[in-house]
């Protein structure tokens, strides 16, 4: 049985088939270092595209988006 990926914000199950994601997700990963209140803690989470868009909509400085013209 393959592991299930869920959006950490809305709990939506991310579609996958035979271990291959059938929809894209935002993966958040942060290794906190010294000079933070989370020394040596690692945070990891997933956001579905809808929850990602909701999150960045509230940013004071917009996300920088760059359009790719080819995929290698």
PDB file of N, CA and C in Angstrom:
ATOM      1  N   UNK A   1       0.854  -1.186   0.000  1.00  0.00           N
ATOM      2  CA  UNK A   1       0.000   0.000   0.000  1.00  0.00           C
ATOM      3  C   UNK A   1       0.892   1.240   0.000  1.00  0.00           C
ATOM      4  N   UNK A   2       0.642   2.160  -0.931  1.00  0.00           N
ATOM      5  CA  UNK A   2       1.475   3.346  -1.046  1.00  0.00           C
ATOM      6  C   UNK A   2       1.068   4.395  -0.009  1.00  0.00           C
ATOM      7  N   UNK A   3       2.034   5.216   0.427  1.00  0.00           N
ATOM      8  CA  UNK A   3       1.711   6.240   1.432  1.00  0.00           C
ATOM      9  C   UNK A   3       0.768   7.283   0.843  1.00  0.00           C
ATOM     10  N   UNK A   4      -0.142   7.766   1.677  1.00  0.00           N
ATOM     11  CA  UNK A   4      -1.115   8.762   1.274  1.00  0.00           C
ATOM     12  C   UNK A   4      -0.584  10.152   1.606  1.00  0.00           C
ATOM     13  N   UNK A   5      -0.669  11.060   0.640  1.00  0.00           N
ATOM     14  CA  UNK A   5      -0.272  12.443   0.881  1.00  0.00           C
ATOM     15  C   UNK A   5      -1.544  13.267   1.015  1.00  0.00           C
ATOM     16  N   UNK A   6      -1.603  14.083   2.061  1.00  0.00           N
ATOM     17  CA  UNK A   6      -2.752  14.967   2.288  1.00  0.00           C
ATOM     18  C   UNK A   6      -2.255  16.399   2.443  1.00  0.00           C
ATOM     19  N   UNK A   7      -3.086  17.321   2.003  1.00  0.00           N
ATOM     20  CA  UNK A   7      -2.807  18.743   2.215  1.00  0.00           C
ATOM     21  C   UNK A   7      -2.883  19.008   3.717  1.00  0.00           C
ATOM     22  N   UNK A   8      -1.864  19.649   4.257  1.00  0.00           N
ATOM     23  CA  UNK A   8      -1.854  19.939   5.691  1.00  0.00           C
ATOM     24  C   UNK A   8      -2.886  20.990   6.089  1.00  0.00           C
ATOM     25  N   UNK A   9      -3.356  21.810   5.139  1.00  0.00           N
ATOM     26  CA  UNK A   9      -4.311  22.868   5.476  1.00  0.00           C
ATOM     27  C   UNK A   9      -5.752  22.364   5.443  1.00  0.00           C
ATOM     28  N   UNK A  10      -6.144  21.664   4.374  1.00  0.00           N
ATOM     29  CA  UNK A  10      -7.551  21.264   4.221  1.00  0.00           C
ATOM     30  C   UNK A  10      -7.773  19.759   4.332  1.00  0.00           C
ATOM     31  N   UNK A  11      -6.707  18.987   4.458  1.00  0.00           N
ATOM     32  CA  UNK A  11      -6.740  17.524   4.583  1.00  0.00           C
ATOM     33  C   UNK A  11      -7.129  16.800   3.290  1.00  0.00           C
ATOM     34  N   UNK A  12      -7.213  17.520   2.172  1.00  0.00           N
ATOM     35  CA  UNK A  12      -7.558  16.891   0.901  1.00  0.00           C
ATOM     36  C   UNK A  12      -6.512  15.842   0.555  1.00  0.00           C
ATOM     37  N   UNK A  13      -6.967  14.666   0.119  1.00  0.00           N
ATOM     38  CA  UNK A  13      -6.046  13.627  -0.318  1.00  0.00           C
ATOM     39  C   UNK A  13      -5.545  13.986  -1.714  1.00  0.00           C
ATOM     40  N   UNK A  14      -4.228  13.944  -1.897  1.00  0.00           N
ATOM     41  CA  UNK A  14      -3.611  14.247  -3.174  1.00  0.00           C
ATOM     42  C   UNK A  14      -3.646  12.979  -4.020  1.00  0.00           C
ATOM     43  N   UNK A  15      -4.176  13.095  -5.231  1.00  0.00           N
ATOM     44  CA  UNK A  15      -4.329  11.929  -6.097  1.00  0.00           C
ATOM     45  C   UNK A  15      -2.977  11.368  -6.515  1.00  0.00           C
ATOM     46  N   UNK A  16      -2.863  10.048  -6.410  1.00  0.00           N
ATOM     47  CA  UNK A  16      -1.656   9.364  -6.883  1.00  0.00           C
ATOM     48  C   UNK A  16      -2.046   7.988  -7.401  1.00  0.00           C
ATOM     49  N   UNK A  17      -1.213   7.477  -8.278  1.00  0.00           N
ATOM     50  CA  UNK A  17      -1.453   6.159  -8.857  1.00  0.00           C
ATOM     51  C   UNK A  17      -0.110   5.458  -9.001  1.00  0.00           C
ATOM     52  N   UNK A  18       0.020   4.305  -8.377  1.00  0.00           N
ATOM     53  CA  UNK A  18       1.268   3.539  -8.405  1.00  0.00           C
ATOM     54  C   UNK A  18       2.466   4.374  -7.956  1.00  0.00           C
ATOM     55  N   UNK A  19       2.254   5.206  -6.939  1.00  0.00           N
ATOM     56  CA  UNK A  19       3.339   6.023  -6.398  1.00  0.00           C
ATOM     57  C   UNK A  19       3.651   7.279  -7.193  1.00  0.00           C
ATOM     58  N   UNK A  20       2.845   7.561  -8.226  1.00  0.00           N
ATOM     59  CA  UNK A  20       3.074   8.752  -9.051  1.00  0.00           C
ATOM     60  C   UNK A  20       1.960   9.755  -8.772  1.00  0.00           C
ATOM     61  N   UNK A  21       2.346  10.983  -8.387  1.00  0.00           N
ATOM     62  CA  UNK A  21       1.349  12.014  -8.119  1.00  0.00           C
ATOM     63  C   UNK A  21       0.611  12.373  -9.397  1.00  0.00           C
ATOM     64  N   UNK A  22      -0.705  12.471  -9.307  1.00  0.00           N
ATOM     65  CA  UNK A  22      -1.542  12.839 -10.443  1.00  0.00           C
ATOM     66  C   UNK A  22      -2.001  14.287 -10.346  1.00  0.00           C
ATOM     67  N   UNK A  23      -1.546  14.995  -9.330  1.00  0.00           N
ATOM     68  CA  UNK A  23      -1.735  16.439  -9.201  1.00  0.00           C
ATOM     69  C   UNK A  23      -0.549  16.975  -8.420  1.00  0.00           C
ATOM     70  N   UNK A  24      -0.217  18.213  -8.674  1.00  0.00           N
ATOM     71  CA  UNK A  24       0.979  18.774  -8.052  1.00  0.00           C
ATOM     72  C   UNK A  24       0.658  19.337  -6.673  1.00  0.00           C
ATOM     73  N   UNK A  25       1.656  19.404  -5.826  1.00  0.00           N
ATOM     74  CA  UNK A  25       1.514  19.959  -4.478  1.00  0.00           C
ATOM     75  C   UNK A  25       2.706  20.859  -4.187  1.00  0.00           C
ATOM     76  N   UNK A  26       2.496  21.793  -3.276  1.00  0.00           N
ATOM     77  CA  UNK A  26       3.588  22.604  -2.762  1.00  0.00           C
ATOM     78  C   UNK A  26       4.179  21.845  -1.585  1.00  0.00           C
ATOM     79  N   UNK A  27       5.497  21.668  -1.585  1.00  0.00           N
ATOM     80  CA  UNK A  27       6.168  20.987  -0.484  1.00  0.00           C
ATOM     81  C   UNK A  27       6.958  22.025   0.294  1.00  0.00           C
ATOM     82  N   UNK A  28       6.599  22.203   1.547  1.00  0.00           N
ATOM     83  CA  UNK A  28       7.342  23.111   2.423  1.00  0.00           C
ATOM     84  C   UNK A  28       8.305  22.312   3.269  1.00  0.00           C
ATOM     85  N   UNK A  29       9.551  22.744   3.323  1.00  0.00           N
ATOM     86  CA  UNK A  29      10.578  22.049   4.100  1.00  0.00           C
ATOM     87  C   UNK A  29      11.529  23.097   4.654  1.00  0.00           C
ATOM     88  N   UNK A  30      11.704  23.116   5.956  1.00  0.00           N
ATOM     89  CA  UNK A  30      12.590  24.096   6.572  1.00  0.00           C
ATOM     90  C   UNK A  30      13.359  23.452   7.705  1.00  0.00           C
ATOM     91  N   UNK A  31      14.692  23.497   7.610  1.00  0.00           N
ATOM     92  CA  UNK A  31      15.558  23.084   8.714  1.00  0.00           C
ATOM     93  C   UNK A  31      15.926  24.351   9.462  1.00  0.00           C
ATOM     94  N   UNK A  32      15.396  24.500  10.649  1.00  0.00           N
ATOM     95  CA  UNK A  32      15.660  25.694  11.447  1.00  0.00           C
ATOM     96  C   UNK A  32      17.056  25.616  12.042  1.00  0.00           C
ATOM     97  N   UNK A  33      17.737  26.728  12.054  1.00  0.00           N
ATOM     98  CA  UNK A  33      19.093  26.777  12.578  1.00  0.00           C
ATOM     99  C   UNK A  33      19.167  27.574  13.864  1.00  0.00           C
ATOM    100  N   UNK A  34      20.371  27.855  14.222  1.00  0.00           N
ATOM    101  CA  UNK A  34      20.599  28.670  15.401  1.00  0.00           C
ATOM    102  C   UNK A  34      20.061  30.066  15.144  1.00  0.00           C
ATOM    103  N   UNK A  35      19.866  30.826  16.166  1.00  0.00           N
ATOM    104  CA  UNK A  35      19.320  32.181  16.115  1.00  0.00           C
ATOM    105  C   UNK A  35      17.821  32.176  15.796  1.00  0.00           C
ATOM    106  N   UNK A  36      17.154  31.066  16.011  1.00  0.00           N
ATOM    107  CA  UNK A  36      15.696  31.009  15.907  1.00  0.00           C
ATOM    108  C   UNK A  36      15.186  30.372  17.196  1.00  0.00           C
ATOM    109  N   UNK A  37      13.892  30.387  17.365  1.00  0.00           N
ATOM    110  CA  UNK A  37      13.302  29.718  18.524  1.00  0.00           C
ATOM    111  C   UNK A  37      13.040  28.244  18.254  1.00  0.00           C
ATOM    112  N   UNK A  38      13.512  27.761  17.117  1.00  0.00           N
ATOM    113  CA  UNK A  38      13.278  26.380  16.721  1.00  0.00           C
ATOM    114  C   UNK A  38      14.587  25.670  16.389  1.00  0.00           C
ATOM    115  N   UNK A  39      15.629  25.964  17.123  1.00  0.00           N
ATOM    116  CA  UNK A  39      16.953  25.398  16.843  1.00  0.00           C
ATOM    117  C   UNK A  39      16.887  23.907  16.546  1.00  0.00           C
ATOM    118  N   UNK A  40      17.405  23.518  15.380  1.00  0.00           N
ATOM    119  CA  UNK A  40      17.568  22.140  14.943  1.00  0.00           C
ATOM    120  C   UNK A  40      16.246  21.392  14.704  1.00  0.00           C
ATOM    121  N   UNK A  41      15.134  22.112  14.638  1.00  0.00           N
ATOM    122  CA  UNK A  41      13.839  21.516  14.323  1.00  0.00           C
ATOM    123  C   UNK A  41      13.665  21.500  12.806  1.00  0.00           C
ATOM    124  N   UNK A  42      12.991  20.476  12.288  1.00  0.00           N
ATOM    125  CA  UNK A  42      12.687  20.401  10.862  1.00  0.00           C
ATOM    126  C   UNK A  42      11.169  20.401  10.698  1.00  0.00           C
ATOM    127  N   UNK A  43      10.666  21.334   9.900  1.00  0.00           N
ATOM    128  CA  UNK A  43       9.243  21.406   9.576  1.00  0.00           C
ATOM    129  C   UNK A  43       9.066  20.955   8.126  1.00  0.00           C
ATOM    130  N   UNK A  44       8.049  20.131   7.876  1.00  0.00           N
ATOM    131  CA  UNK A  44       7.780  19.605   6.535  1.00  0.00           C
ATOM    132  C   UNK A  44       6.267  19.524   6.366  1.00  0.00           C
ATOM    133  N   UNK A  45       5.739  20.042   5.250  1.00  0.00           N
ATOM    134  CA  UNK A  45       4.295  19.997   5.029  1.00  0.00           C
ATOM    135  C   UNK A  45       3.973  20.060   3.543  1.00  0.00           C
ATOM    136  N   UNK A  46       2.715  19.708   3.225  1.00  0.00           N
ATOM    137  CA  UNK A  46       2.206  19.751   1.862  1.00  0.00           C
ATOM    138  C   UNK A  46       1.016  20.685   1.801  1.00  0.00           C
ATOM    139  N   UNK A  47       0.876  21.404   0.682  1.00  0.00           N
ATOM    140  CA  UNK A  47      -0.311  22.215   0.422  1.00  0.00           C
ATOM    141  C   UNK A  47      -0.813  21.893  -0.976  1.00  0.00           C
ATOM    142  N   UNK A  48      -2.122  21.645  -1.087  1.00  0.00           N
ATOM    143  CA  UNK A  48      -2.703  21.480  -2.417  1.00  0.00           C
ATOM    144  C   UNK A  48      -2.649  22.850  -3.112  1.00  0.00           C
ATOM    145  N   UNK A  49      -2.860  22.850  -4.407  1.00  0.00           N
ATOM    146  CA  UNK A  49      -2.735  24.100  -5.171  1.00  0.00           C
ATOM    147  C   UNK A  49      -3.716  25.163  -4.680  1.00  0.00           C
ATOM    148  N   UNK A  50      -4.924  24.758  -4.336  1.00  0.00           N
ATOM    149  CA  UNK A  50      -5.929  25.714  -3.857  1.00  0.00           C
ATOM    150  C   UNK A  50      -5.500  26.366  -2.543  1.00  0.00           C
ATOM    151  N   UNK A  51      -5.005  25.596  -1.600  1.00  0.00           N
ATOM    152  CA  UNK A  51      -4.567  26.149  -0.307  1.00  0.00           C
ATOM    153  C   UNK A  51      -3.310  26.999  -0.470  1.00  0.00           C
ATOM    154  N   UNK A  52      -2.428  26.606  -1.389  1.00  0.00           N
ATOM    155  CA  UNK A  52      -1.240  27.409  -1.671  1.00  0.00           C
ATOM    156  C   UNK A  52      -1.653  28.791  -2.174  1.00  0.00           C
ATOM    157  N   UNK A  53      -2.611  28.830  -3.115  1.00  0.00           N
ATOM    158  CA  UNK A  53      -3.067  30.112  -3.655  1.00  0.00           C
ATOM    159  C   UNK A  53      -3.716  30.971  -2.569  1.00  0.00           C
ATOM    160  N   UNK A  54      -4.487  30.358  -1.671  1.00  0.00           N
ATOM    161  CA  UNK A  54      -5.087  31.096  -0.555  1.00  0.00           C
ATOM    162  C   UNK A  54      -4.004  31.693   0.344  1.00  0.00           C
ATOM    163  N   UNK A  55      -2.952  30.919   0.610  1.00  0.00           N
ATOM    164  CA  UNK A  55      -1.884  31.378   1.490  1.00  0.00           C
ATOM    165  C   UNK A  55      -1.146  32.567   0.881  1.00  0.00           C
ATOM    166  N   UNK A  56      -0.733  32.456  -0.382  1.00  0.00           N
ATOM    167  CA  UNK A  56       0.084  33.523  -0.965  1.00  0.00           C
ATOM    168  C   UNK A  56      -0.735  34.775  -1.277  1.00  0.00           C
ATOM    169  N   UNK A  57      -2.049  34.621  -1.368  1.00  0.00           N
ATOM    170  CA  UNK A  57      -2.931  35.774  -1.603  1.00  0.00           C
ATOM    171  C   UNK A  57      -2.793  36.803  -0.475  1.00  0.00           C
ATOM    172  N   UNK A  58      -2.435  36.345   0.719  1.00  0.00           N
ATOM    173  CA  UNK A  58      -2.322  37.224   1.889  1.00  0.00           C
ATOM    174  C   UNK A  58      -0.932  37.810   2.088  1.00  0.00           C
ATOM    175  N   UNK A  59       0.015  37.485   1.231  1.00  0.00           N
ATOM    176  CA  UNK A  59       1.373  38.012   1.372  1.00  0.00           C
ATOM    177  C   UNK A  59       1.388  39.511   1.103  1.00  0.00           C
ATOM    178  N   UNK A  60       2.138  40.253   1.899  1.00  0.00           N
ATOM    179  CA  UNK A  60       2.301  41.691   1.675  1.00  0.00           C
ATOM    180  C   UNK A  60       3.158  41.951   0.437  1.00  0.00           C
ATOM    181  N   UNK A  61       4.129  41.088   0.191  1.00  0.00           N
ATOM    182  CA  UNK A  61       4.971  41.164  -1.003  1.00  0.00           C
ATOM    183  C   UNK A  61       4.616  39.946  -1.845  1.00  0.00           C
ATOM    184  N   UNK A  62       4.130  40.151  -3.066  1.00  0.00           N
ATOM    185  CA  UNK A  62       3.703  39.018  -3.889  1.00  0.00           C
ATOM    186  C   UNK A  62       4.832  38.036  -4.190  1.00  0.00           C
ATOM    187  N   UNK A  63       4.453  36.798  -4.405  1.00  0.00           N
ATOM    188  CA  UNK A  63       5.398  35.764  -4.806  1.00  0.00           C
ATOM    189  C   UNK A  63       5.937  36.130  -6.184  1.00  0.00           C
ATOM    190  N   UNK A  64       7.228  35.944  -6.378  1.00  0.00           N
ATOM    191  CA  UNK A  64       7.826  36.181  -7.688  1.00  0.00           C
ATOM    192  C   UNK A  64       7.541  34.961  -8.556  1.00  0.00           C
ATOM    193  N   UNK A  65       6.895  35.184  -9.694  1.00  0.00           N
ATOM    194  CA  UNK A  65       6.573  34.082 -10.611  1.00  0.00           C
ATOM    195  C   UNK A  65       7.365  34.253 -11.886  1.00  0.00           C
ATOM    196  N   UNK A  66       7.989  33.174 -12.315  1.00  0.00           N
ATOM    197  CA  UNK A  66       8.764  33.152 -13.535  1.00  0.00           C
ATOM    198  C   UNK A  66       8.178  32.061 -14.420  1.00  0.00           C
ATOM    199  N   UNK A  67       7.849  32.400 -15.644  1.00  0.00           N
ATOM    200  CA  UNK A  67       7.303  31.418 -16.585  1.00  0.00           C
ATOM    201  C   UNK A  67       8.457  30.679 -17.263  1.00  0.00           C
ATOM    202  N   UNK A  68       8.417  29.352 -17.194  1.00  0.00           N
ATOM    203  CA  UNK A  68       9.400  28.526 -17.886  1.00  0.00           C
ATOM    204  C   UNK A  68       8.971  28.370 -19.341  1.00  0.00           C
ATOM    205  N   UNK A  69       9.925  28.338 -20.241  1.00  0.00           N
ATOM    206  CA  UNK A  69       9.601  28.167 -21.644  1.00  0.00           C
ATOM    207  C   UNK A  69       9.894  26.763 -22.147  1.00  0.00           C
ATOM    208  N   UNK A  70      10.668  26.001 -21.374  1.00  0.00           N
ATOM    209  CA  UNK A  70      10.911  24.613 -21.743  1.00  0.00           C
ATOM    210  C   UNK A  70      11.164  23.788 -20.498  1.00  0.00           C
ATOM    211  N   UNK A  71      10.889  22.508 -20.620  1.00  0.00           N
ATOM    212  CA  UNK A  71      11.090  21.589 -19.507  1.00  0.00           C
ATOM    213  C   UNK A  71      12.120  20.571 -19.940  1.00  0.00           C
ATOM    214  N   UNK A  72      13.147  20.388 -19.102  1.00  0.00           N
ATOM    215  CA  UNK A  72      14.201  19.431 -19.438  1.00  0.00           C
ATOM    216  C   UNK A  72      13.919  18.078 -18.823  1.00  0.00           C
TER     217      UNK A  72
END
